[in-house]
Every structure is written in structure tokens, then in C-alpha cells.
C-alpha atoms as a PDB file:
ATOM      1  CA  MET A   1      15.606  16.140  -1.319  1.00  0.00           C
ATOM      2  CA  ASN A   2      15.511  14.104   2.287  1.00  0.00           C
ATOM      3  CA  SER A   3      12.742  11.731   2.109  1.00  0.00           C
ATOM      4  CA  THR A   4      11.156   8.578   3.014  1.00  0.00           C
ATOM      5  CA  ILE A   5      10.034   8.289  -0.731  1.00  0.00           C
ATOM      6  CA  ASP A   6      13.865   8.428  -1.664  1.00  0.00           C
ATOM      7  CA  THR A   7      14.349   5.492   0.116  1.00  0.00           C
ATOM      8  CA  VAL A   8      13.847   2.106  -1.456  1.00  0.00           C
ATOM      9  CA  LEU A   9      12.489  -0.263   0.705  1.00  0.00           C
ATOM     10  CA  ARG A  10      12.855  -3.874   0.748  1.00  0.00           C
ATOM     11  CA  HIS A  11      10.412  -6.394   2.262  1.00  0.00           C
ATOM     12  CA  ARG A  12      12.122  -9.155   4.491  1.00  0.00           C
ATOM     13  CA  ASP A  13       9.787 -12.238   3.040  1.00  0.00           C
ATOM     14  CA  LYS A  14      13.038 -14.275   3.910  1.00  0.00           C
ATOM     15  CA  PRO A  15      12.357 -15.959   7.338  1.00  0.00           C
ATOM     16  CA  THR A  16      14.864 -14.842   9.874  1.00  0.00           C
ATOM     17  CA  ALA A  17      17.014 -17.288  12.013  1.00  0.00           C
ATOM     18  CA  LYS A  18      17.843 -15.381  15.128  1.00  0.00           C
ATOM     19  CA  ALA A  19      16.265 -15.862  17.919  1.00  0.00           C
ATOM     20  CA  PRO A  20      14.864 -13.011  19.923  1.00  0.00           C
ATOM     21  CA  ALA A  21      15.696 -12.693  23.330  1.00  0.00           C
ATOM     22  CA  SER A  22      13.179 -11.667  25.775  1.00  0.00           C
ATOM     23  CA  LEU A  23       9.675 -12.903  26.087  1.00  0.00           C
ATOM     24  CA  ALA A  24       8.097  -9.754  25.035  1.00  0.00           C
ATOM     25  CA  ALA A  25      10.349 -10.133  21.782  1.00  0.00           C
ATOM     26  CA  ARG A  26       9.352 -13.470  21.063  1.00  0.00           C
ATOM     27  CA  ALA A  27       5.677 -13.073  21.028  1.00  0.00           C
ATOM     28  CA  PHE A  28       6.299 -10.025  18.433  1.00  0.00           C
ATOM     29  CA  ALA A  29       8.374 -12.326  16.304  1.00  0.00           C
ATOM     30  CA  VAL A  30       5.691 -14.952  16.090  1.00  0.00           C
ATOM     31  CA  GLN A  31       3.458 -11.765  15.032  1.00  0.00           C
ATOM     32  CA  GLN A  32       5.815 -10.550  12.728  1.00  0.00           C
ATOM     33  CA  ALA A  33       6.260 -14.280  11.371  1.00  0.00           C
ATOM     34  CA  PHE A  34       2.833 -14.147   9.130  1.00  0.00           C
ATOM     35  CA  THR A  35       4.301 -10.915   7.266  1.00  0.00           C
ATOM     36  CA  ARG A  36       7.562 -12.960   6.399  1.00  0.00           C
ATOM     37  CA  LEU A  37       6.151 -16.401   5.459  1.00  0.00           C
ATOM     38  CA  PRO A  38       6.040 -16.601   1.443  1.00  0.00           C
ATOM     39  CA  GLY A  39       3.085 -17.808  -0.447  1.00  0.00           C
ATOM     40  CA  THR A  40      -0.476 -16.292  -1.135  1.00  0.00           C
ATOM     41  CA  SER A  41      -2.223 -18.247   1.863  1.00  0.00           C
ATOM     42  CA  SER A  42      -2.762 -16.530   5.115  1.00  0.00           C
ATOM     43  CA  VAL A  43      -2.692 -19.963   6.766  1.00  0.00           C
ATOM     44  CA  HIS A  44       0.506 -21.461   7.974  1.00  0.00           C
ATOM     45  CA  SER A  45       1.570 -24.533   9.608  1.00  0.00           C
ATOM     46  CA  LEU A  46       3.217 -24.317  13.313  1.00  0.00           C
ATOM     47  CA  ARG A  47       6.625 -25.185  11.898  1.00  0.00           C
ATOM     48  CA  GLY A  48       6.683 -22.509   9.319  1.00  0.00           C
ATOM     49  CA  ILE A  49       5.714 -19.920  11.254  1.00  0.00           C
ATOM     50  CA  ALA A  50       8.499 -21.244  13.949  1.00  0.00           C
ATOM     51  CA  GLU A  51      11.316 -21.059  11.626  1.00  0.00           C
ATOM     52  CA  ALA A  52      10.140 -17.527  10.551  1.00  0.00           C
ATOM     53  CA  ALA A  53      10.262 -16.483  13.961  1.00  0.00           C
ATOM     54  CA  GLY A  54      13.619 -17.787  14.765  1.00  0.00           C
ATOM     55  CA  LEU A  55      11.999 -20.097  17.763  1.00  0.00           C
ATOM     56  CA  ASP A  56      11.258 -23.599  18.425  1.00  0.00           C
ATOM     57  CA  ASP A  57       8.262 -25.334  17.897  1.00  0.00           C
ATOM     58  CA  GLY A  58       7.526 -25.485  21.445  1.00  0.00           C
ATOM     59  CA  THR A  59       7.971 -21.632  22.382  1.00  0.00           C
ATOM     60  CA  THR A  60       5.896 -20.994  19.163  1.00  0.00           C
ATOM     61  CA  HIS A  61       2.928 -23.332  19.979  1.00  0.00           C
ATOM     62  CA  HIS A  62       2.765 -21.607  23.423  1.00  0.00           C
ATOM     63  CA  ILE A  63       2.873 -18.018  22.230  1.00  0.00           C
ATOM     64  CA  LEU A  64       0.275 -19.059  19.396  1.00  0.00           C
ATOM     65  CA  GLN A  65      -2.111 -21.024  21.753  1.00  0.00           C
ATOM     66  CA  THR A  66      -2.074 -17.984  24.162  1.00  0.00           C
ATOM     67  CA  GLY A  67      -2.985 -15.561  21.141  1.00  0.00           C
ATOM     68  CA  VAL A  68      -5.941 -17.636  20.545  1.00  0.00           C
ATOM     69  CA  GLY A  69      -7.489 -17.286  23.575  1.00  0.00           C
ATOM     70  CA  ASP A  70      -7.278 -13.333  23.238  1.00  0.00           C
ATOM     71  CA  GLY A  71      -8.136 -13.428  19.218  1.00  0.00           C
ATOM     72  CA  VAL A  72      -4.529 -12.126  18.174  1.00  0.00           C
ATOM     73  CA  PHE A  73      -4.258 -15.695  16.465  1.00  0.00           C
ATOM     74  CA  GLU A  74      -6.737 -18.032  14.846  1.00  0.00           C
ATOM     75  CA  GLN A  75      -6.057 -21.732  14.652  1.00  0.00           C
ATOM     76  CA  VAL A  76      -7.189 -23.443  11.479  1.00  0.00           C
ATOM     77  CA  GLY A  77      -7.347 -27.195  11.575  1.00  0.00           C
ATOM     78  CA  ARG A  78      -4.594 -28.905  13.334  1.00  0.00           C
ATOM     79  CA  GLY A  79      -1.601 -27.141  13.735  1.00  0.00           C
ATOM     80  CA  ARG A  80      -2.160 -24.624  11.391  1.00  0.00           C
ATOM     81  CA  TYR A  81      -2.748 -20.783  12.177  1.00  0.00           C
ATOM     82  CA  ARG A  82      -3.404 -17.146  10.767  1.00  0.00           C
ATOM     83  CA  LEU A  83      -3.893 -13.806  12.305  1.00  0.00           C
ATOM     84  CA  GLY A  84      -7.024 -13.134  14.086  1.00  0.00           C
ATOM     85  CA  THR A  85      -9.414 -10.140  14.768  1.00  0.00           C
ATOM     86  CA  GLY A  86      -7.462  -8.964  17.789  1.00  0.00           C
ATOM     87  CA  THR A  87      -4.516  -8.068  15.202  1.00  0.00           C
ATOM     88  CA  ALA A  88      -7.143  -6.244  12.937  1.00  0.00           C
ATOM     89  CA  ARG A  89      -8.537  -4.521  16.006  1.00  0.00           C
ATOM     90  CA  ALA A  90      -5.349  -3.034  16.790  1.00  0.00           C
ATOM     91  CA  GLY A  91      -4.696  -1.895  13.542  1.00  0.00           C
ATOM     92  CA  LEU A  92      -7.850   0.259  13.535  1.00  0.00           C
ATOM     93  CA  HIS A  93      -6.423   1.730  16.858  1.00  0.00           C
ATOM     94  CA  ALA A  94      -3.114   2.678  14.824  1.00  0.00           C
ATOM     95  CA  MET A  95      -4.763   3.576  11.969  1.00  0.00           C
ATOM     96  CA  ALA A  96      -7.014   6.179  13.862  1.00  0.00           C
ATOM     97  CA  ASP A  97      -3.821   8.250  14.219  1.00  0.00           C
ATOM     98  CA  ALA A  98      -3.319   8.650  10.663  1.00  0.00           C
ATOM     99  CA  PRO A  99      -3.840  12.079   9.090  1.00  0.00           C
ATOM    100  CA  GLY A 100      -7.600  13.389   8.321  1.00  0.00           C
ATOM    101  CA  ALA A 101      -9.181  15.240   5.510  1.00  0.00           C
ATOM    102  CA  ALA A 102      -8.833  18.631   7.065  1.00  0.00           C
ATOM    103  CA  SER A 103      -4.814  18.144   6.937  1.00  0.00           C
ATOM    104  CA  THR A 104      -4.588  16.623   3.981  1.00  0.00           C
ATOM    105  CA  HIS A 105      -7.022  18.802   1.552  1.00  0.00           C
ATOM    106  CA  SER A 106      -4.713  21.688   1.648  1.00  0.00           C
ATOM    107  CA  THR A 107      -1.579  19.683   0.254  1.00  0.00           C
ATOM    108  CA  LEU A 108      -3.998  18.782  -2.677  1.00  0.00           C
ATOM    109  CA  VAL A 109      -4.988  22.051  -3.229  1.00  0.00           C
ATOM    110  CA  ALA A 110      -1.401  23.151  -3.630  1.00  0.00           C
ATOM    111  CA  LEU A 111      -0.708  20.235  -6.126  1.00  0.00           C
ATOM    112  CA  HIS A 112      -3.955  21.262  -8.111  1.00  0.00           C
ATOM    113  CA  GLU A 113      -2.720  25.026  -8.075  1.00  0.00           C
ATOM    114  CA  ALA A 114       0.871  24.070  -9.317  1.00  0.00           C
ATOM    115  CA  THR A 115      -0.159  21.600 -12.063  1.00  0.00           C
ATOM    116  CA  GLY A 116      -3.547  22.688 -13.123  1.00  0.00           C
ATOM    117  CA  GLY A 117      -4.532  18.843 -12.834  1.00  0.00           C
ATOM    118  CA  LEU A 118      -6.835  16.810 -10.718  1.00  0.00           C
ATOM    119  CA  ALA A 119      -4.972  15.950  -7.345  1.00  0.00           C
ATOM    120  CA  LEU A 120      -6.655  12.744  -5.606  1.00  0.00           C
ATOM    121  CA  LEU A 121      -5.603  11.008  -2.753  1.00  0.00           C
ATOM    122  CA  TYR A 122      -5.723   7.302  -2.327  1.00  0.00           C
ATOM    123  CA  VAL A 123      -5.633   5.144   0.417  1.00  0.00           C
ATOM    124  CA  LEU A 124      -4.916   1.343   1.117  1.00  0.00           C
ATOM    125  CA  SER A 125      -7.795  -0.571   2.003  1.00  0.00           C
ATOM    126  CA  PRO A 126      -7.306  -4.282   2.986  1.00  0.00           C
ATOM    127  CA  PHE A 127     -10.885  -5.064   3.883  1.00  0.00           C
ATOM    128  CA  GLY A 128     -12.190  -7.946   1.031  1.00  0.00           C
ATOM    129  CA  GLY A 129      -8.746  -7.911  -0.673  1.00  0.00           C
ATOM    130  CA  ALA A 130      -6.032  -5.109  -1.253  1.00  0.00           C
ATOM    131  CA  LYS A 131      -7.439  -2.183  -3.230  1.00  0.00           C
ATOM    132  CA  ARG A 132      -7.475   1.569  -3.155  1.00  0.00           C
ATOM    133  CA  LEU A 133     -10.029   4.034  -2.242  1.00  0.00           C
ATOM    134  CA  CYS A 134     -10.266   7.835  -3.322  1.00  0.00           C
ATOM    135  CA  THR A 135     -10.815   9.586  -0.076  1.00  0.00           C
ATOM    136  CA  ASP A 136     -10.217  13.446  -1.204  1.00  0.00           C
ATOM    137  CA  TYR A 137      -9.686  15.573  -4.264  1.00  0.00           C
ATOM    138  CA  ALA A 138      -8.924  19.008  -5.448  1.00  0.00           C
ATOM    139  CA  ALA A 139     -10.083  20.059  -8.708  1.00  0.00           C
ATOM    140  CA  GLY A 140     -10.706  23.619  -8.513  1.00  0.00           C
ATOM    141  CA  ASP A 141     -13.071  25.085 -10.731  1.00  0.00           C
ATOM    142  CA  ALA A 142     -13.111  21.826 -12.974  1.00  0.00           C
ATOM    143  CA  ASP A 143     -16.105  19.218 -12.942  1.00  0.00           C
ATOM    144  CA  PRO A 144     -15.005  15.849 -11.867  1.00  0.00           C
ATOM    145  CA  SER A 145     -17.494  14.154 -13.726  1.00  0.00           C
ATOM    146  CA  GLU A 146     -15.638  15.341 -17.081  1.00  0.00           C
ATOM    147  CA  VAL A 147     -13.327  12.465 -15.948  1.00  0.00           C
ATOM    148  CA  GLY A 148     -15.919  10.445 -17.615  1.00  0.00           C
ATOM    149  CA  MET A 149     -15.935   7.300 -15.735  1.00  0.00           C
ATOM    150  CA  THR A 150     -19.329   5.510 -14.975  1.00  0.00           C
ATOM    151  CA  ALA A 151     -19.864   4.072 -11.265  1.00  0.00           C
ATOM    152  CA  GLU A 152     -19.205   0.733 -12.559  1.00  0.00           C
ATOM    153  CA  ASP A 153     -15.789   1.765 -13.762  1.00  0.00           C
ATOM    154  CA  VAL A 154     -15.283   3.636 -10.313  1.00  0.00           C
ATOM    155  CA  VAL A 155     -15.756   0.247  -8.755  1.00  0.00           C
ATOM    156  CA  SER A 156     -13.850  -2.139 -10.674  1.00  0.00           C
ATOM    157  CA  VAL A 157     -11.168   0.092 -12.333  1.00  0.00           C
ATOM    158  CA  SER A 158     -10.277   2.311  -9.740  1.00  0.00           C
ATOM    159  CA  ARG A 159     -10.253   0.281  -6.777  1.00  0.00           C
ATOM    160  CA  SER A 160      -7.926  -2.376  -8.527  1.00  0.00           C
ATOM    161  CA  LEU A 161      -4.162  -2.038  -7.526  1.00  0.00           C
ATOM    162  CA  ARG A 162      -2.970  -3.625 -10.956  1.00  0.00           C
ATOM    163  CA  THR A 163      -4.529  -0.464 -12.930  1.00  0.00           C
ATOM    164  CA  GLY A 164      -3.359   2.783 -12.901  1.00  0.00           C
ATOM    165  CA  ALA A 165      -0.140   4.687 -11.498  1.00  0.00           C
ATOM    166  CA  SER A 166      -1.717   5.244  -8.132  1.00  0.00           C
ATOM    167  CA  GLY A 167      -2.658   1.765  -7.846  1.00  0.00           C
ATOM    168  CA  ARG A 168       0.814   0.455  -8.881  1.00  0.00           C
ATOM    169  CA  VAL A 169       2.491   2.554  -6.505  1.00  0.00           C
ATOM    170  CA  ILE A 170       0.901   1.129  -3.543  1.00  0.00           C
ATOM    171  CA  LEU A 171       1.286  -2.316  -5.100  1.00  0.00           C
ATOM    172  CA  ALA A 172       5.110  -1.737  -5.490  1.00  0.00           C
ATOM    173  CA  TYR A 173       5.553  -1.393  -1.697  1.00  0.00           C
ATOM    174  CA  LEU A 174       3.089  -4.029  -0.326  1.00  0.00           C
ATOM    175  CA  PRO A 175       4.644  -7.526   0.964  1.00  0.00           C
ATOM    176  CA  GLN A 176       4.981  -9.877  -1.736  1.00  0.00           C
ATOM    177  CA  ARG A 177       2.289 -12.485  -0.764  1.00  0.00           C
ATOM    178  CA  ILE A 178      -0.146  -9.228  -1.216  1.00  0.00           C
ATOM    179  CA  ARG A 179       1.394  -8.558  -4.334  1.00  0.00           C
ATOM    180  CA  ASP A 180       1.177 -12.350  -5.669  1.00  0.00           C
ATOM    181  CA  LEU A 181      -2.678 -11.720  -4.842  1.00  0.00           C
ATOM    182  CA  VAL A 182      -3.032  -8.952  -6.968  1.00  0.00           C
ATOM    183  CA  LEU A 183      -1.176 -10.108 -10.001  1.00  0.00           C
ATOM    184  CA  ALA A 184      -3.663 -13.323  -9.764  1.00  0.00           C
ATOM    185  CA  GLU A 185      -6.453 -11.067 -10.488  1.00  0.00           C
ATOM    186  CA  GLU A 186      -8.124 -10.258 -13.704  1.00  0.00           C
ATOM    187  CA  VAL A 187      -7.443  -7.356 -15.388  1.00  0.00           C
ATOM    188  CA  PRO A 188     -10.887  -4.838 -15.076  1.00  0.00           C
ATOM    189  CA  PRO A 189     -12.261  -5.393 -18.894  1.00  0.00           C
ATOM    190  CA  THR A 190     -13.183  -1.474 -18.741  1.00  0.00           C
ATOM    191  CA  ALA A 191      -9.121  -0.634 -18.269  1.00  0.00           C
ATOM    192  CA  GLY A 192      -7.797   1.676 -20.370  1.00  0.00           C
ATOM    193  CA  PRO A 193      -5.636   0.963 -23.263  1.00  0.00           C
ATOM    194  CA  GLY A 194      -2.590   1.767 -21.763  1.00  0.00           C
ATOM    195  CA  VAL A 195      -3.024  -0.655 -18.820  1.00  0.00           C
ATOM    196  CA  ILE A 196      -0.162  -3.332 -17.902  1.00  0.00           C
ATOM    197  CA  ARG A 197      -1.846  -6.735 -18.459  1.00  0.00           C
ATOM    198  CA  CYS A 198       1.437  -8.981 -18.760  1.00  0.00           C
ATOM    199  CA  ASN A 199       2.295  -9.578 -15.199  1.00  0.00           C
ATOM    200  CA  ASP A 200       5.970  -9.797 -16.062  1.00  0.00           C
ATOM    201  CA  ASP A 201       5.670  -6.594 -17.178  1.00  0.00           C
ATOM    202  CA  LEU A 202       3.594  -5.519 -14.018  1.00  0.00           C
ATOM    203  CA  ALA A 203       5.922  -6.944 -11.774  1.00  0.00           C
ATOM    204  CA  ALA A 204       9.237  -5.219 -13.409  1.00  0.00           C
ATOM    205  CA  SER A 205       7.235  -1.802 -13.248  1.00  0.00           C
ATOM    206  CA  LEU A 206       6.861  -2.516  -9.600  1.00  0.00           C
ATOM    207  CA  VAL A 207      10.845  -2.646  -9.222  1.00  0.00           C
ATOM    208  CA  GLU A 208      11.103   0.424 -11.214  1.00  0.00           C
ATOM    209  CA  ILE A 209       8.506   2.168  -8.934  1.00  0.00           C
ATOM    210  CA  ARG A 210      10.290   1.260  -5.938  1.00  0.00           C
ATOM    211  CA  ARG A 211      13.762   2.524  -7.613  1.00  0.00           C
ATOM    212  CA  LEU A 212      12.453   5.989  -8.515  1.00  0.00           C
ATOM    213  CA  GLY A 213       9.886   6.796  -5.829  1.00  0.00           C
ATOM    214  CA  PHE A 214       7.122   7.518  -8.402  1.00  0.00           C
ATOM    215  CA  ALA A 215       4.982   6.247 -11.439  1.00  0.00           C
ATOM    216  CA  ILE A 216       3.681   7.373 -14.864  1.00  0.00           C
ATOM    217  CA  GLY A 217       0.483   6.275 -16.052  1.00  0.00           C
ATOM    218  CA  ARG A 218      -0.496   6.412 -19.757  1.00  0.00           C
ATOM    219  CA  GLN A 219      -4.240   5.994 -20.306  1.00  0.00           C
ATOM    220  CA  GLU A 220      -4.281   3.095 -17.766  1.00  0.00           C
ATOM    221  CA  CYS A 221      -7.679   3.730 -16.290  1.00  0.00           C
ATOM    222  CA  MET A 222      -9.097   5.595 -19.070  1.00  0.00           C
ATOM    223  CA  VAL A 223      -8.694   6.586 -22.388  1.00  0.00           C
ATOM    224  CA  GLY A 224      -7.491  10.490 -22.923  1.00  0.00           C
ATOM    225  CA  TRP A 225      -6.075  10.650 -19.271  1.00  0.00           C
ATOM    226  CA  ASP A 226      -2.489  10.143 -18.221  1.00  0.00           C
ATOM    227  CA  SER A 227      -1.115  10.646 -14.429  1.00  0.00           C
ATOM    228  CA  VAL A 228       1.780  10.584 -12.182  1.00  0.00           C
ATOM    229  CA  SER A 229       1.639   9.160  -8.731  1.00  0.00           C
ATOM    230  CA  ALA A 230       3.719   8.889  -5.612  1.00  0.00           C
ATOM    231  CA  PRO A 231       3.230   6.611  -2.272  1.00  0.00           C
ATOM    232  CA  VAL A 232       2.360   8.099   0.803  1.00  0.00           C
ATOM    233  CA  PHE A 233       3.981   6.076   3.822  1.00  0.00           C
ATOM    234  CA  TRP A 234       3.444   5.540   7.886  1.00  0.00           C
ATOM    235  CA  GLN A 235       7.172   5.363   8.765  1.00  0.00           C
ATOM    236  CA  ASP A 236       7.975   2.432   6.449  1.00  0.00           C
ATOM    237  CA  ALA A 237       4.678   0.986   6.017  1.00  0.00           C
ATOM    238  CA  ILE A 238       2.830   1.900   2.404  1.00  0.00           C
ATOM    239  CA  MET A 239      -0.644   3.791   3.350  1.00  0.00           C
ATOM    240  CA  GLY A 240      -1.691   5.115  -0.149  1.00  0.00           C
ATOM    241  CA  SER A 241      -0.643   7.304  -2.830  1.00  0.00           C
ATOM    242  CA  VAL A 242      -1.076  10.834  -4.202  1.00  0.00           C
ATOM    243  CA  LEU A 243      -2.308  11.190  -8.064  1.00  0.00           C
ATOM    244  CA  LEU A 244      -2.042  14.008 -10.454  1.00  0.00           C
ATOM    245  CA  LEU A 245      -4.595  13.307 -13.451  1.00  0.00           C
ATOM    246  CA  ARG A 246      -4.686  15.409 -16.335  1.00  0.00           C
ATOM    247  CA  PRO A 247      -6.047  15.245 -20.112  1.00  0.00           C
ATOM    248  CA  SER A 248      -3.277  13.199 -22.171  1.00  0.00           C
ATOM    249  CA  LYS A 249      -3.479  16.232 -24.682  1.00  0.00           C
ATOM    250  CA  GLU A 250      -2.667  18.264 -21.862  1.00  0.00           C
ATOM    251  CA  MET A 251       0.326  16.565 -20.121  1.00  0.00           C
ATOM    252  CA  PRO A 252       3.035  18.575 -20.636  1.00  0.00           C
ATOM    253  CA  THR A 253       6.166  16.462 -22.191  1.00  0.00           C
ATOM    254  CA  ASP A 254       8.630  17.862 -19.645  1.00  0.00           C
ATOM    255  CA  LEU A 255       7.255  15.588 -16.921  1.00  0.00           C
ATOM    256  CA  PRO A 256       9.911  16.401 -14.166  1.00  0.00           C
ATOM    257  CA  PRO A 257       8.077  19.280 -12.883  1.00  0.00           C
ATOM    258  CA  MET A 258       4.737  17.308 -12.796  1.00  0.00           C
ATOM    259  CA  ILE A 259       7.034  14.678 -10.700  1.00  0.00           C
ATOM    260  CA  TYR A 260       8.403  17.145  -8.712  1.00  0.00           C
ATOM    261  CA  HIS A 261       5.090  18.486  -7.203  1.00  0.00           C
ATOM    262  CA  THR A 262       3.417  14.935  -6.924  1.00  0.00           C
ATOM    263  CA  ARG A 263       6.073  13.794  -4.790  1.00  0.00           C
ATOM    264  CA  LYS A 264       6.187  16.834  -2.852  1.00  0.00           C
ATOM    265  CA  ALA A 265       2.747  16.286  -1.992  1.00  0.00           C
ATOM    266  CA  ALA A 266       3.128  12.721  -0.960  1.00  0.00           C
ATOM    267  CA  GLU A 267       6.103  13.413   1.127  1.00  0.00           C
ATOM    268  CA  GLU A 268       3.856  16.165   3.015  1.00  0.00           C
ATOM    269  CA  ILE A 269       1.301  13.790   3.712  1.00  0.00           C
ATOM    270  CA  SER A 270       3.555  11.357   4.541  1.00  0.00           C
ATOM    271  CA  GLU A 271       5.308  13.781   7.278  1.00  0.00           C
ATOM    272  CA  LEU A 272       1.651  14.381   8.805  1.00  0.00           C
ATOM    273  CA  THR A 273       1.489  10.747   9.905  1.00  0.00           C
ATOM    274  CA  PRO A 274       2.480  10.427  13.594  1.00  0.00           C
ATOM    275  CA  ALA A 275       5.853  10.079  14.493  1.00  0.00           C
ATOM    276  CA  PRO A 276       7.292   7.347  16.936  1.00  0.00           C
ATOM    277  CA  MET A 277       7.609   8.305  20.384  1.00  0.00           C
ATOM    278  CA  SER A 278      11.255   8.761  21.948  1.00  0.00           C
ATOM    279  CA  PRO A 279      11.873   6.148  24.866  1.00  0.00           C
ATOM    280  CA  VAL A 280      11.480   7.430  28.069  1.00  0.00           C
ATOM    281  CA  ALA A 281      15.229   7.642  29.916  1.00  0.00           C
END
């Protein structure tokens, strides 16, 4: 089955050495350099940014200073920079074109009807640290309260990207710098008995998710509940995940049908995101 989810995404954390040709390309290269630089800090030196962009220090400094005036970059101390609020504003405008609840809910309903489980859509929320938020669900006649989570559990466990199949699926496709930040977080104390506590094991599970295109959770967030999750993309950028949740005693031992329907739902939502416009001849 042709799918963006069947493609293993490889993040380019290693700086590039090839200098962009045009002035516009150089400006974009400086902005993209912040996503390639290693480490957990969002603040980088002029020299490091220049090397990641494949440019000399003088050209990089000129672009950064121009961007500081427009809010694209922020200067933090002498010769150190980070992405600014102008970049965030541009991202918000781009996100406004993402599919809304009206177009995604029918997909979740179809997943629920095909599997008998709770179907949930999580989106990546980078504000205040990378986490996930549930924006829609389909449960049929089931009472969502039967999941048995308190409000405190929802805030602590459900938002963490290191707990649950839906969190790990999103985490697997994030840049290494953000993955490192999440791995440095504590495991929520109310997480389920199946949560992966060892960072080495968690990192290995992310490699496996990128290889397979889905994740299976065994009582990771809650006692007595298992899950299957698949990623939702906008082109090659991770946007969220679809989660199929069922009581452990009701989850079939034959998982391929559950995996198929979950991935199918994630694919359909991924296909709802805007396609790039063809260049005008």
C-alpha cells in the first residue's frame, strides 16, 4: 500500500557543507540550520549556525541581523541566536490549513466501527514543551469515562510523549534535539505498568516505530488498556497520531487487522493535509 507512513523518515541532524546559490536560498538555509544543529539548546553560536547553513560567518551574520529586525531570529547575548516569534507566527498561519474536526471525525468513526475500540486523534503541541493533545475521538455508545483516568492523569500521562503508543509514535519522528528533551523528562508517576522507563529501551522503540510505521502499547498509560497507534504527517513533518484503544482483555491476539485499520485512518488524515502547489510555468 503506497503511503507516506510506509516511508522511513530520516532526520538531517548533521550540518550540511554545500553553500546555497541564491540570496533567498541562503536566508532559508540559515533558518533551517536551527533544525539541524545537535544538542538540546535552542540557542546557537554564529559559527555553528554558519557551518550548519554551509555559509561564511559574514553572510550568516548579515542574514541573522536582518532577521532579528523582523522577529524571525532573536539575538541572545553576544553572537548567539535562536528562532524568533516571527517564525512561530508563520507556523501558525501554515497550521491554519491543517484539516479540521469536520473532515477527520468521519475517519475516526470508521476506525471505531471497524475495530470496536475507542478511536482518538492526537496532535503535536510544541508550546511549553513537546506534548500531545487529544482533539477528537469516536467511541460510539461507549462512555469515555470508562477509560478510568482522572483529570490529573489526563494532564500528566496523556500529554507526555514518552508514555503510550500515541506519544511514542509522535516522538519517533521528531528532530533529535526535541527527542532528547523528552527523554530527559521524568516518567509520569501515574503511568501504567507497561510504560517504557529505560531511555535506551525507549530510544530503541522509536527506531522500530520508524521502521514499521506504527506502535503497539501494552498498558502503557492505564492499567487494563492496550493500544495501536500510527503517525499523521503533513508532507514529511509529523503532526500527530491516531490511536486505537481497547481493554486488554478485548484486544485480539491477531493484531494485523487492528494495525491495518489504524494505519489506514492515519493515512486518510495525512492525505487531508494541503498538498504543495505546483510551480507556475
